[in-house]
N, C-alpha and C. Protein backbone atom coordinates (compact mmCIF):
# COMPACT_ATOMS: atom_id res chain seq x y z
N MET A 1 2.87 120.00 84.67
CA MET A 1 3.00 119.39 83.53
C MET A 1 4.00 120.29 82.52
N LYS A 2 4.78 119.37 82.48
CA LYS A 2 5.49 120.47 80.86
C LYS A 2 4.55 120.96 79.55
N LYS A 3 5.20 121.83 79.63
CA LYS A 3 4.96 122.34 77.98
C LYS A 3 5.36 121.57 76.78
N THR A 4 4.74 120.86 76.07
CA THR A 4 5.58 119.92 74.96
C THR A 4 5.31 121.01 73.47
N ILE A 5 6.87 121.21 72.95
CA ILE A 5 6.63 122.32 71.77
C ILE A 5 7.38 121.61 70.56
N LEU A 6 6.54 121.78 69.22
CA LEU A 6 6.99 121.62 67.87
C LEU A 6 8.31 122.33 67.75
N ALA A 7 9.31 121.90 67.49
CA ALA A 7 10.39 122.51 67.36
C ALA A 7 10.83 122.34 65.85
N LEU A 8 11.22 123.52 65.26
CA LEU A 8 11.60 123.81 64.00
C LEU A 8 12.67 124.04 64.12
N LEU A 9 14.04 123.50 63.64
CA LEU A 9 15.55 124.14 63.11
C LEU A 9 15.50 124.57 61.56
N ILE A 10 16.63 125.36 61.35
CA ILE A 10 16.84 125.52 60.32
C ILE A 10 17.97 124.71 59.67
N ALA A 11 18.21 124.29 58.78
CA ALA A 11 19.38 123.69 57.99
C ALA A 11 20.57 124.41 57.58
N ILE A 12 21.95 124.75 58.00
CA ILE A 12 22.26 125.61 57.40
C ILE A 12 23.16 124.96 56.38
N THR A 13 23.95 125.61 55.16
CA THR A 13 24.05 125.03 53.91
C THR A 13 25.13 125.99 53.96
N SER A 14 26.54 124.93 53.81
CA SER A 14 27.88 125.35 53.60
C SER A 14 27.84 125.16 51.89
N SER A 15 28.26 126.15 51.34
CA SER A 15 28.29 126.29 49.94
C SER A 15 28.99 127.80 49.68
N ASN A 16 28.97 127.86 48.25
CA ASN A 16 29.81 129.60 47.78
C ASN A 16 28.66 130.31 48.08
N GLN A 17 27.43 130.23 48.54
CA GLN A 17 26.84 131.24 48.78
C GLN A 17 25.99 130.99 49.91
N LEU A 18 26.06 131.08 50.97
CA LEU A 18 25.13 130.90 51.89
C LEU A 18 23.45 130.54 51.77
N ARG A 19 23.16 129.65 52.31
CA ARG A 19 21.91 129.48 52.04
C ARG A 19 20.78 129.32 53.42
N SER A 20 19.82 129.50 53.84
CA SER A 20 19.07 128.68 54.49
C SER A 20 17.78 128.60 54.55
N GLN A 21 17.44 127.71 55.39
CA GLN A 21 16.06 127.01 54.94
C GLN A 21 15.85 126.20 53.76
N THR A 22 17.02 125.42 53.72
CA THR A 22 17.03 124.75 52.54
C THR A 22 16.63 122.88 53.02
N ASP A 23 16.44 122.71 54.38
CA ASP A 23 15.84 121.93 54.87
C ASP A 23 15.68 121.77 56.33
N THR A 24 14.58 121.01 56.66
CA THR A 24 14.66 121.10 58.04
C THR A 24 14.04 120.01 58.90
N LEU A 25 14.01 120.13 60.52
CA LEU A 25 13.90 118.88 60.93
C LEU A 25 12.96 119.15 61.99
N PHE A 26 11.79 118.49 62.16
CA PHE A 26 11.30 118.60 63.51
C PHE A 26 11.07 117.33 64.78
N TYR A 27 11.09 118.08 65.79
CA TYR A 27 11.54 117.17 66.93
C TYR A 27 10.66 117.66 67.95
N LEU A 28 10.24 116.52 69.14
CA LEU A 28 9.26 117.38 70.01
C LEU A 28 10.15 116.91 71.22
N ILE A 29 10.05 118.44 71.77
CA ILE A 29 10.76 118.73 73.37
C ILE A 29 10.41 118.80 74.29
N SER A 30 10.64 118.46 75.57
CA SER A 30 10.00 119.14 76.85
C SER A 30 10.55 120.59 77.46
N SER A 31 10.08 121.22 77.04
CA SER A 31 10.81 122.55 77.90
C SER A 31 9.75 123.88 77.42
N ASP A 32 9.89 124.74 78.11
CA ASP A 32 9.18 125.90 77.83
C ASP A 32 9.54 126.81 76.67
N SER A 33 10.50 126.64 76.67
CA SER A 33 11.77 127.34 75.65
C SER A 33 12.52 126.93 75.05
N LEU A 34 13.29 126.70 73.79
CA LEU A 34 14.54 125.96 73.31
C LEU A 34 15.78 126.84 73.15
N PRO A 35 16.77 126.24 73.91
CA PRO A 35 18.14 126.39 73.13
C PRO A 35 18.06 127.51 71.86
N SER A 36 18.84 128.37 72.10
CA SER A 36 19.06 129.16 70.37
C SER A 36 20.25 130.08 70.65
N PHE A 37 21.09 130.28 69.31
CA PHE A 37 21.94 130.94 69.24
C PHE A 37 21.80 131.97 70.27
N LEU A 38 22.92 132.73 70.78
CA LEU A 38 22.83 133.55 71.47
C LEU A 38 22.74 134.83 71.46
N TYR A 39 22.64 134.71 69.48
CA TYR A 39 23.15 136.38 68.80
C TYR A 39 22.30 136.25 67.59
N GLY A 40 21.08 135.48 67.91
CA GLY A 40 20.06 135.39 66.90
C GLY A 40 20.57 134.99 65.42
N PRO A 41 19.33 134.00 64.68
CA PRO A 41 19.66 133.41 63.46
C PRO A 41 20.98 134.22 62.36
N GLU A 42 20.49 135.38 62.37
CA GLU A 42 21.62 135.77 61.44
C GLU A 42 22.67 135.55 61.77
N GLN A 43 23.45 135.77 63.08
CA GLN A 43 24.87 135.61 63.63
C GLN A 43 24.99 134.32 63.45
N TYR A 44 24.03 133.39 64.03
CA TYR A 44 24.43 132.10 63.31
C TYR A 44 25.05 131.77 61.80
N LYS A 45 24.11 132.31 61.11
CA LYS A 45 24.57 131.85 59.72
C LYS A 45 25.92 132.32 59.63
N ARG A 46 26.10 133.65 60.04
CA ARG A 46 27.62 134.25 59.91
C ARG A 46 28.73 133.13 60.45
N PHE A 47 28.41 132.54 61.36
CA PHE A 47 28.90 131.64 62.39
C PHE A 47 29.36 130.71 61.17
N VAL A 48 28.71 130.02 61.00
CA VAL A 48 28.35 128.90 60.03
C VAL A 48 29.55 129.18 59.37
N GLN A 49 28.91 130.14 58.25
CA GLN A 49 29.85 130.88 56.86
C GLN A 49 31.38 130.53 57.23
N ILE A 50 31.45 131.10 58.30
CA ILE A 50 33.39 131.24 58.87
C ILE A 50 33.59 130.06 59.25
N ASN A 51 33.01 128.74 59.71
CA ASN A 51 33.65 128.05 60.57
C ASN A 51 33.67 126.57 59.97
N LEU A 52 32.22 126.33 58.67
CA LEU A 52 32.40 125.28 58.28
C LEU A 52 32.94 125.31 57.48
N THR A 53 33.48 124.06 57.42
CA THR A 53 34.43 123.82 56.08
C THR A 53 34.25 122.49 55.53
N TYR A 54 33.83 122.79 53.93
CA TYR A 54 33.59 121.97 53.41
C TYR A 54 34.55 120.74 53.40
N PRO A 55 34.54 119.21 53.45
CA PRO A 55 35.93 118.39 53.46
C PRO A 55 36.26 118.29 51.95
N THR A 56 37.86 118.54 51.95
CA THR A 56 38.47 117.69 50.65
C THR A 56 37.83 116.72 49.96
N LYS A 57 37.51 115.38 50.99
CA LYS A 57 37.02 114.02 50.38
C LYS A 57 35.79 114.23 49.90
N ALA A 58 35.14 115.18 50.15
CA ALA A 58 33.69 115.37 50.03
C ALA A 58 33.03 116.01 48.76
N MET A 59 34.47 116.82 48.31
CA MET A 59 34.30 117.75 47.25
C MET A 59 34.80 116.32 46.11
N ARG A 60 35.81 115.93 46.04
CA ARG A 60 36.82 114.87 45.19
C ARG A 60 35.27 113.93 45.05
N ASN A 61 34.41 113.45 45.34
CA ASN A 61 33.79 112.37 45.52
C ASN A 61 32.25 112.78 45.71
N ASN A 62 32.29 114.19 45.61
CA ASN A 62 30.60 115.33 45.20
C ASN A 62 29.84 114.82 45.94
N ILE A 63 30.12 114.23 46.92
CA ILE A 63 29.40 113.81 48.01
C ILE A 63 28.42 115.44 48.43
N GLN A 64 27.14 115.26 48.71
CA GLN A 64 26.73 116.50 49.11
C GLN A 64 25.27 116.25 50.21
N GLY A 65 24.50 116.66 50.80
CA GLY A 65 23.50 116.21 51.71
C GLY A 65 23.68 116.52 53.19
N THR A 66 22.72 116.02 54.35
CA THR A 66 22.34 116.62 55.64
C THR A 66 23.01 115.66 56.31
N VAL A 67 24.06 116.29 57.29
CA VAL A 67 24.26 115.23 58.54
C VAL A 67 23.46 116.17 59.60
N TYR A 68 22.69 114.94 60.15
CA TYR A 68 21.66 115.18 61.46
C TYR A 68 23.25 114.64 62.75
N LEU A 69 22.69 115.65 63.59
CA LEU A 69 23.55 115.67 64.75
C LEU A 69 22.71 115.67 66.21
N SER A 70 22.87 115.43 67.14
CA SER A 70 22.01 115.51 68.44
C SER A 70 22.99 116.13 69.76
N PHE A 71 22.91 116.98 70.41
CA PHE A 71 23.72 117.30 70.94
C PHE A 71 22.94 118.08 72.81
N VAL A 72 23.72 117.90 73.57
CA VAL A 72 22.59 118.71 74.72
C VAL A 72 23.49 120.16 75.13
N VAL A 73 22.52 121.12 75.35
CA VAL A 73 22.86 122.41 75.43
C VAL A 73 22.30 122.40 76.88
N ASP A 74 23.57 122.74 77.86
CA ASP A 74 23.58 123.40 79.23
C ASP A 74 22.79 124.01 79.84
N THR A 75 22.71 124.61 80.76
CA THR A 75 22.53 125.72 81.92
C THR A 75 23.47 126.45 81.56
N LEU A 76 24.74 126.68 81.09
CA LEU A 76 25.58 127.79 80.66
C LEU A 76 25.84 127.73 79.48
N GLY A 77 25.02 127.20 78.35
CA GLY A 77 24.79 127.61 77.02
C GLY A 77 25.72 126.70 76.53
N LYS A 78 26.63 125.55 77.12
CA LYS A 78 27.33 124.81 76.55
C LYS A 78 27.00 123.64 75.62
N VAL A 79 28.19 123.30 74.71
CA VAL A 79 27.34 121.83 74.69
C VAL A 79 28.26 120.13 74.77
N ASN A 80 27.30 119.70 74.74
CA ASN A 80 27.59 118.18 75.50
C ASN A 80 27.32 117.49 74.77
N ASN A 81 27.60 115.88 74.82
CA ASN A 81 27.01 114.76 74.08
C ASN A 81 26.78 114.86 72.73
N ILE A 82 27.68 115.28 71.87
CA ILE A 82 27.33 115.76 70.47
C ILE A 82 27.41 114.33 70.12
N LYS A 83 26.47 113.66 69.18
CA LYS A 83 26.53 112.71 68.44
C LYS A 83 26.03 112.53 67.24
N ILE A 84 26.47 112.22 66.34
CA ILE A 84 25.95 111.69 64.84
C ILE A 84 25.19 110.65 64.77
N LEU A 85 24.05 111.53 64.39
CA LEU A 85 22.71 110.68 64.08
C LEU A 85 22.71 110.22 62.68
N LYS A 86 23.30 110.64 61.40
CA LYS A 86 23.18 110.56 60.61
C LYS A 86 24.11 111.12 59.92
N ASP A 87 25.18 110.04 58.56
CA ASP A 87 26.40 110.80 58.07
C ASP A 87 26.40 110.68 56.87
N ILE A 88 26.78 111.68 55.80
CA ILE A 88 26.55 111.40 54.63
C ILE A 88 28.13 110.83 54.06
N GLY A 89 29.38 110.85 55.00
CA GLY A 89 30.48 110.09 54.53
C GLY A 89 31.38 111.28 53.90
N GLY A 90 32.53 111.10 53.45
CA GLY A 90 33.51 111.92 52.98
C GLY A 90 33.91 113.38 54.11
N ASP A 91 33.76 112.70 55.17
CA ASP A 91 33.85 113.18 56.36
C ASP A 91 33.38 114.52 57.11
N CYS A 92 31.83 114.82 55.85
CA CYS A 92 31.24 115.39 56.40
C CYS A 92 30.71 115.51 58.28
N GLY A 93 30.46 114.42 58.64
CA GLY A 93 30.29 114.21 59.99
C GLY A 93 31.25 114.89 60.92
N ILE A 94 32.72 114.45 60.12
CA ILE A 94 33.58 115.09 61.31
C ILE A 94 33.28 116.84 61.62
N GLU A 95 33.38 117.26 59.85
CA GLU A 95 33.14 118.53 60.02
C GLU A 95 32.56 119.32 60.95
N ALA A 96 30.70 118.63 60.80
CA ALA A 96 29.98 119.03 61.55
C ALA A 96 29.94 119.16 62.92
N VAL A 97 30.71 117.85 63.53
CA VAL A 97 30.67 118.07 64.90
C VAL A 97 31.83 118.85 65.04
N LYS A 98 32.79 119.29 64.48
CA LYS A 98 33.80 120.71 64.80
C LYS A 98 32.88 122.10 65.03
N LEU A 99 31.82 121.80 63.79
CA LEU A 99 31.01 123.28 64.07
C LEU A 99 30.41 123.11 65.22
N ILE A 100 30.13 122.65 65.62
CA ILE A 100 28.93 122.16 66.82
C ILE A 100 29.97 122.77 68.02
N LYS A 101 31.08 122.29 68.61
CA LYS A 101 32.07 122.11 69.24
C LYS A 101 32.38 123.85 69.70
N GLN A 102 32.48 124.36 68.44
CA GLN A 102 33.20 125.55 68.36
C GLN A 102 32.17 126.26 68.71
N SER A 103 30.51 125.97 68.83
CA SER A 103 29.61 127.11 69.48
C SER A 103 29.49 126.76 70.71
N SER A 104 29.90 125.96 71.17
CA SER A 104 29.97 125.69 73.06
C SER A 104 30.38 126.45 73.27
N GLY A 105 29.61 127.48 74.42
CA GLY A 105 28.77 128.56 75.15
C GLY A 105 28.66 129.73 74.97
N ILE A 106 27.83 129.59 73.27
CA ILE A 106 27.73 130.51 72.81
C ILE A 106 26.19 130.45 72.20
N TRP A 107 25.51 129.71 73.35
CA TRP A 107 24.12 129.34 73.33
C TRP A 107 23.01 129.66 74.36
N LYS A 108 21.49 130.42 73.93
CA LYS A 108 21.28 130.76 75.26
C LYS A 108 20.41 129.56 75.80
N PRO A 109 20.50 129.27 77.05
CA PRO A 109 19.94 127.74 77.31
C PRO A 109 18.60 127.85 77.61
N GLY A 110 17.80 126.99 77.14
CA GLY A 110 16.64 126.51 76.97
C GLY A 110 15.84 127.06 78.89
N MET A 111 14.38 126.90 78.93
CA MET A 111 14.09 127.56 79.97
C MET A 111 12.96 126.34 80.27
N ASP A 112 12.59 126.36 81.77
CA ASP A 112 11.49 125.47 82.14
C ASP A 112 10.95 126.05 83.02
N LYS A 113 9.92 126.44 83.52
CA LYS A 113 9.46 127.23 84.61
C LYS A 113 10.46 128.26 85.42
N GLY A 114 10.72 129.32 84.28
CA GLY A 114 11.64 130.19 85.19
C GLY A 114 12.78 129.55 85.58
N LYS A 115 13.58 128.74 85.02
CA LYS A 115 14.39 128.09 85.50
C LYS A 115 15.13 127.42 84.09
N LYS A 116 16.51 127.69 84.18
CA LYS A 116 17.71 127.31 82.95
C LYS A 116 17.61 125.61 82.85
N VAL A 117 17.42 124.91 81.87
CA VAL A 117 17.61 123.84 81.86
C VAL A 117 18.51 123.03 80.66
N ASN A 118 18.56 121.62 80.92
CA ASN A 118 19.62 121.04 80.11
C ASN A 118 18.30 120.67 78.37
N VAL A 119 18.76 120.95 77.37
CA VAL A 119 18.16 120.42 76.48
C VAL A 119 18.60 119.92 75.82
N LEU A 120 17.95 118.69 75.26
CA LEU A 120 18.32 117.55 74.15
C LEU A 120 18.24 117.88 72.69
N LEU A 121 19.06 118.43 71.85
CA LEU A 121 18.47 119.01 70.31
C LEU A 121 19.07 118.00 69.48
N ASN A 122 18.37 118.15 68.41
CA ASN A 122 18.42 117.26 66.61
C ASN A 122 18.50 118.37 65.75
N PHE A 123 20.08 118.49 65.39
CA PHE A 123 19.89 119.29 64.66
C PHE A 123 20.96 118.92 63.31
N PRO A 124 20.60 119.91 61.92
CA PRO A 124 20.89 119.54 60.72
C PRO A 124 21.63 120.28 60.23
N ILE A 125 22.67 120.23 59.72
CA ILE A 125 24.17 121.18 59.40
C ILE A 125 24.08 120.15 57.55
N LYS A 126 23.81 121.31 56.54
CA LYS A 126 23.42 120.58 55.19
C LYS A 126 24.73 121.08 54.21
N PHE A 127 25.26 120.18 53.86
CA PHE A 127 26.80 120.83 53.41
C PHE A 127 25.91 120.41 51.07
N LYS A 128 26.51 121.35 50.61
CA LYS A 128 26.09 121.65 49.14
C LYS A 128 27.29 122.47 48.71
N CYS A 129 27.73 122.17 48.15
CA CYS A 129 29.00 122.80 47.28
C CYS A 129 28.78 123.06 45.77
N GLU A 130 28.33 124.10 45.43
CA GLU A 130 28.46 124.64 44.23
C GLU A 130 29.74 125.06 43.42
N SER A 131 29.89 124.34 42.08
CA SER A 131 31.14 124.60 41.68
C SER A 131 32.39 124.56 42.34
N CYS A 132 32.39 123.54 43.07
CA CYS A 132 33.58 123.07 44.32
C CYS A 132 34.98 123.13 43.09
N PRO A 133 36.27 123.29 43.74
CA PRO A 133 37.39 123.45 43.21
C PRO A 133 37.54 121.22 43.13
N ALA A 134 38.30 120.95 42.38
CA ALA A 134 38.36 119.60 42.56
C ALA A 134 39.18 119.20 43.27
N SER A 135 40.28 119.68 44.22
CA SER A 135 40.58 119.24 45.26
C SER A 135 40.73 120.71 45.94
N GLY A 136 41.38 120.46 47.51
CA GLY A 136 41.44 121.08 48.58
C GLY A 136 40.10 121.69 49.17
N SER A 137 40.75 121.76 50.00
CA SER A 137 39.02 122.12 51.04
C SER A 137 38.80 123.81 51.04
N TYR A 138 37.64 123.61 51.11
CA TYR A 138 36.76 124.99 51.08
C TYR A 138 36.20 125.27 52.50
N SER A 139 36.22 126.39 52.07
CA SER A 139 35.52 127.31 53.16
C SER A 139 35.11 128.75 53.22
N PRO A 140 34.21 129.19 53.25
CA PRO A 140 34.13 130.73 52.60
C PRO A 140 34.49 132.13 52.90
N ASN A 141 35.39 131.48 54.15
CA ASN A 141 36.80 132.87 54.33
C ASN A 141 37.77 131.93 54.74
N THR A 142 39.00 131.91 54.16
CA THR A 142 40.13 131.00 54.74
C THR A 142 41.20 132.16 55.50
N ASP A 143 40.69 133.83 55.32
CA ASP A 143 42.15 134.86 55.24
C ASP A 143 42.34 134.95 56.47
N PRO A 144 43.24 134.40 57.62
CA PRO A 144 43.73 134.68 58.76
C PRO A 144 42.92 136.08 59.63
N ASN A 145 43.44 137.27 58.65
CA ASN A 145 43.62 138.20 59.07
C ASN A 145 41.80 138.77 58.61
N TYR A 146 41.16 138.39 58.01
CA TYR A 146 39.75 138.56 57.99
C TYR A 146 38.98 138.26 59.06
N LEU A 147 39.39 136.89 59.28
CA LEU A 147 38.49 136.03 60.25
C LEU A 147 38.97 136.58 61.77
N SER A 148 40.46 137.15 62.23
CA SER A 148 41.15 137.58 63.18
C SER A 148 40.23 138.78 63.41
N LYS A 149 39.78 139.60 62.64
CA LYS A 149 39.36 141.25 62.73
C LYS A 149 37.77 140.60 63.16
N TYR A 150 37.23 140.05 62.30
CA TYR A 150 35.90 139.70 62.89
C TYR A 150 35.49 139.25 63.83
N TYR A 151 36.54 138.16 64.55
CA TYR A 151 36.04 137.93 66.03
C TYR A 151 36.85 138.77 66.80
N TYR A 152 37.51 140.00 66.40
CA TYR A 152 37.98 140.50 67.46
C TYR A 152 36.34 141.57 67.63
N ASP A 153 36.20 142.25 66.49
CA ASP A 153 34.84 143.02 66.66
C ASP A 153 33.65 142.62 67.43
N ARG A 154 33.82 141.06 67.06
CA ARG A 154 32.38 140.45 67.69
C ARG A 154 32.58 140.63 69.55
N ALA A 155 34.70 140.49 69.73
CA ALA A 155 34.47 140.49 70.86
C ALA A 155 34.67 142.05 71.40
N ASP A 156 34.67 142.95 70.61
CA ASP A 156 34.51 144.20 71.31
C ASP A 156 33.29 144.94 71.91
N GLU A 157 32.36 144.22 70.95
CA GLU A 157 30.66 144.50 70.82
C GLU A 157 30.34 143.33 72.58
N GLU A 158 30.84 142.17 72.79
CA GLU A 158 30.44 141.74 73.66
C GLU A 158 31.24 142.53 75.27
N PHE A 159 32.41 142.60 75.18
CA PHE A 159 33.08 143.68 76.25
C PHE A 159 32.20 144.79 76.59
N LEU A 160 31.80 145.39 75.53
CA LEU A 160 30.85 146.49 75.68
C LEU A 160 29.50 146.40 76.38
N ALA A 161 28.93 145.38 76.22
CA ALA A 161 27.92 144.61 76.55
C ALA A 161 27.78 143.95 77.98
N ASP A 162 29.42 144.13 79.02
CA ASP A 162 29.52 143.26 79.53
C ASP A 162 29.26 141.62 80.11
N ARG A 163 29.44 141.39 78.70
CA ARG A 163 29.16 139.54 78.68
C ARG A 163 30.76 139.06 78.68
N TYR A 164 31.34 139.27 79.72
CA TYR A 164 32.85 138.75 79.86
C TYR A 164 33.71 137.52 79.24
N MET A 165 32.53 136.53 79.56
CA MET A 165 33.16 135.40 78.82
C MET A 165 32.77 135.01 77.55
N THR A 166 32.23 135.58 76.87
CA THR A 166 31.71 135.78 75.49
C THR A 166 32.64 136.61 74.80
N ALA A 167 33.10 137.68 75.61
CA ALA A 167 34.31 138.67 75.26
C ALA A 167 35.39 137.50 75.03
N ILE A 168 35.93 136.66 75.83
CA ILE A 168 37.29 136.19 76.13
C ILE A 168 37.27 135.42 74.94
N PHE A 169 36.00 134.54 75.12
CA PHE A 169 35.69 133.32 73.42
C PHE A 169 36.44 134.19 72.50
N TYR A 170 35.95 135.07 71.84
CA TYR A 170 35.82 135.48 70.91
C TYR A 170 36.85 136.44 70.69
N TYR A 171 38.16 136.89 71.60
CA TYR A 171 39.12 137.50 71.38
C TYR A 171 40.05 135.95 71.47
N THR A 172 39.86 135.65 71.93
CA THR A 172 40.75 133.94 71.88
C THR A 172 40.25 133.51 70.61
N LYS A 173 39.39 133.60 70.01
CA LYS A 173 39.17 133.03 68.73
C LYS A 173 39.79 133.90 67.73
N SER A 174 40.08 135.11 67.82
CA SER A 174 40.96 136.41 67.07
C SER A 174 42.05 135.57 67.45
N LEU A 175 42.95 135.16 68.67
CA LEU A 175 44.18 134.95 68.39
C LEU A 175 44.17 133.80 67.86
N GLU A 176 43.30 132.81 67.82
CA GLU A 176 43.31 131.35 67.14
C GLU A 176 44.18 131.93 65.87
N GLN A 177 43.73 132.94 65.09
CA GLN A 177 43.80 133.57 63.77
C GLN A 177 45.45 134.08 63.48
N LYS A 178 45.41 134.62 64.25
CA LYS A 178 46.69 135.56 64.58
C LYS A 178 46.85 136.01 65.46
N PRO A 179 47.54 134.91 66.19
CA PRO A 179 48.36 134.91 67.36
C PRO A 179 49.26 136.52 68.41
N ASN A 180 49.98 136.82 67.56
CA ASN A 180 50.34 138.06 67.63
C ASN A 180 49.90 139.39 67.68
N TYR A 181 48.32 138.75 67.84
CA TYR A 181 47.14 140.49 67.18
C TYR A 181 47.41 141.47 68.66
N LYS A 182 48.46 142.15 68.88
CA LYS A 182 48.32 142.84 70.24
C LYS A 182 47.31 143.39 70.42
N ASP A 183 46.24 144.12 69.88
CA ASP A 183 44.93 144.84 70.25
C ASP A 183 44.24 143.60 70.92
N ALA A 184 43.91 142.37 70.48
CA ALA A 184 43.27 140.89 70.76
C ALA A 184 44.21 140.91 72.11
N LEU A 185 45.06 140.84 72.50
CA LEU A 185 45.88 140.41 73.33
C LEU A 185 45.55 141.26 74.53
N SER A 186 45.88 142.72 74.31
CA SER A 186 45.19 143.43 75.39
C SER A 186 44.00 143.74 75.94
N LYS A 187 43.19 143.69 75.09
CA LYS A 187 41.62 143.68 75.10
C LYS A 187 41.29 142.18 76.34
N ARG A 188 41.65 141.31 75.74
CA ARG A 188 41.44 139.72 76.72
C ARG A 188 41.88 140.32 77.94
N GLY A 189 43.12 140.98 77.85
CA GLY A 189 43.78 140.97 79.57
C GLY A 189 42.50 141.83 80.13
N LEU A 190 42.43 142.91 79.93
CA LEU A 190 41.45 143.75 80.52
C LEU A 190 40.30 143.00 80.65
N VAL A 191 39.59 142.32 79.87
CA VAL A 191 38.33 141.23 79.77
C VAL A 191 38.38 140.58 81.32
N LYS A 192 39.70 140.24 81.46
CA LYS A 192 40.09 138.89 82.72
C LYS A 192 40.39 139.78 83.85
N LEU A 193 40.37 140.41 83.47
CA LEU A 193 41.07 141.67 84.69
C LEU A 193 39.22 142.15 85.54
N LYS A 194 38.35 141.86 84.19
CA LYS A 194 37.28 142.36 84.84
C LYS A 194 36.35 141.37 85.37
N ASN A 195 36.98 139.86 84.91
CA ASN A 195 36.41 138.24 85.60
C ASN A 195 37.37 138.06 86.50
N ASN A 196 38.06 139.21 86.72
CA ASN A 196 38.92 138.46 88.18
C ASN A 196 39.65 137.87 88.13
N ASP A 197 40.89 137.74 86.96
CA ASP A 197 41.12 136.38 86.55
C ASP A 197 42.75 137.89 85.98
N LYS A 198 43.55 138.09 87.58
CA LYS A 198 44.51 138.67 87.42
C LYS A 198 45.76 138.16 86.41
N LYS A 199 45.97 137.11 87.51
CA LYS A 199 46.98 136.07 86.43
C LYS A 199 47.03 136.09 85.35
N GLY A 200 45.74 136.07 84.52
CA GLY A 200 45.62 135.58 83.19
C GLY A 200 45.52 136.84 82.38
N ALA A 201 45.28 137.97 83.09
CA ALA A 201 45.24 139.44 82.48
C ALA A 201 46.86 139.59 82.02
N CYS A 202 47.27 139.41 83.28
CA CYS A 202 49.03 139.85 83.60
C CYS A 202 50.02 139.31 82.04
N THR A 203 49.51 137.67 81.89
CA THR A 203 49.60 137.36 81.22
C THR A 203 49.40 137.89 79.57
N ASP A 204 48.19 137.88 79.55
CA ASP A 204 47.84 138.48 78.44
C ASP A 204 49.07 139.84 78.26
N TRP A 205 49.02 140.29 78.85
CA TRP A 205 49.68 142.23 78.79
C TRP A 205 50.75 142.04 78.12
N ASN A 206 51.91 140.67 79.00
CA ASN A 206 53.51 140.86 78.69
C ASN A 206 53.41 140.11 77.30
N LEU A 207 52.07 139.39 77.05
CA LEU A 207 52.68 139.03 75.06
C LEU A 207 52.31 140.22 74.47
N ALA A 208 51.17 141.02 74.53
CA ALA A 208 51.05 142.18 73.94
C ALA A 208 52.01 142.87 74.11
N GLN A 209 52.87 143.03 75.06
CA GLN A 209 54.00 144.36 75.44
C GLN A 209 55.42 143.85 74.34
N LYS A 210 55.44 142.18 74.43
CA LYS A 210 56.13 141.53 73.21
C LYS A 210 56.09 141.46 72.14
N SER A 211 54.39 141.56 71.92
CA SER A 211 54.27 142.01 70.18
C SER A 211 54.40 143.45 69.95
N GLY A 212 54.98 144.41 70.64
CA GLY A 212 54.92 145.57 70.69
C GLY A 212 54.02 146.68 71.24
N ASP A 213 53.19 146.45 71.99
CA ASP A 213 52.56 147.06 72.51
C ASP A 213 52.93 147.93 73.63
N ASP A 214 53.19 149.17 73.78
CA ASP A 214 53.30 149.96 74.51
C ASP A 214 52.72 150.32 75.34
N LYS A 215 51.26 150.68 74.80
CA LYS A 215 50.26 150.94 75.78
C LYS A 215 50.08 150.48 76.97
N VAL A 216 50.68 149.25 77.37
CA VAL A 216 50.17 148.10 78.18
C VAL A 216 51.18 148.37 79.10
N TYR A 217 51.84 149.10 79.31
CA TYR A 217 52.74 149.24 80.27
C TYR A 217 52.79 149.68 81.80
N GLU A 218 51.41 150.87 81.74
CA GLU A 218 50.79 150.83 82.62
C GLU A 218 50.16 150.28 83.28
N LEU A 219 49.24 149.38 82.50
CA LEU A 219 48.42 148.05 83.11
C LEU A 219 49.27 146.93 83.75
N ILE A 220 50.25 146.81 83.53
CA ILE A 220 51.69 146.22 83.99
C ILE A 220 51.97 146.43 85.32
N ASN A 221 52.10 147.44 85.18
CA ASN A 221 53.13 148.12 86.70
C ASN A 221 52.27 148.27 87.73
N LYS A 222 50.63 148.31 87.19
CA LYS A 222 49.48 149.07 88.04
C LYS A 222 49.41 147.49 88.49
N ASN A 223 49.06 146.68 87.88
CA ASN A 223 48.28 145.36 88.63
C ASN A 223 49.38 143.96 88.47
N CYS A 224 50.56 143.87 87.99
CA CYS A 224 50.90 142.91 88.00
C CYS A 224 52.17 142.92 88.63
N LYS A 225 52.20 143.73 89.66
CA LYS A 225 53.74 143.79 90.45
C LYS A 225 53.65 142.82 91.70
């Protein structure tokens, strides 16, 4: 018989200063352990701080509150079947869904009887803006150079830990902020090669070379001829 767990999830606040445990949602789920963010709660807070945007419409109309979502974390740690259970308007539901979509692939799957299982989660995301501007979309940090370096550093950590798929995810996020980031292109190529994707590796190295990285010449000459 499956062990029933009463789960407590912490709502995350999008505000000028990130908060935690400002709202909670209790629910029952049948599994031995729940899915969790791959890098722990502190890194999840950091992830939310960087990726959750406070919508312009919500700020202009002073809309604040909690959006409740449900979604499935599958056995690969990917997110599926995202649904809005309760919206507060002002495009907050849309931004909450975007946030959870971006987290796909960086969840630790739930376990039952020693096996990974698909688990349905109910999840709250709180929107609270203190001293928001009258207009314009608010995000705790929107500097592309800062975000690109943040994702690059996270990718390096994953690469060193031999977690190749997660490293590729973060190098890609870094390149979304700074497309010609030659170091990220070069490193992502190395990870792809480790992950048996030689074609993808060569594509990245050629892009890195075009961006001014002369160090990839030997890699291209050795692996891409």
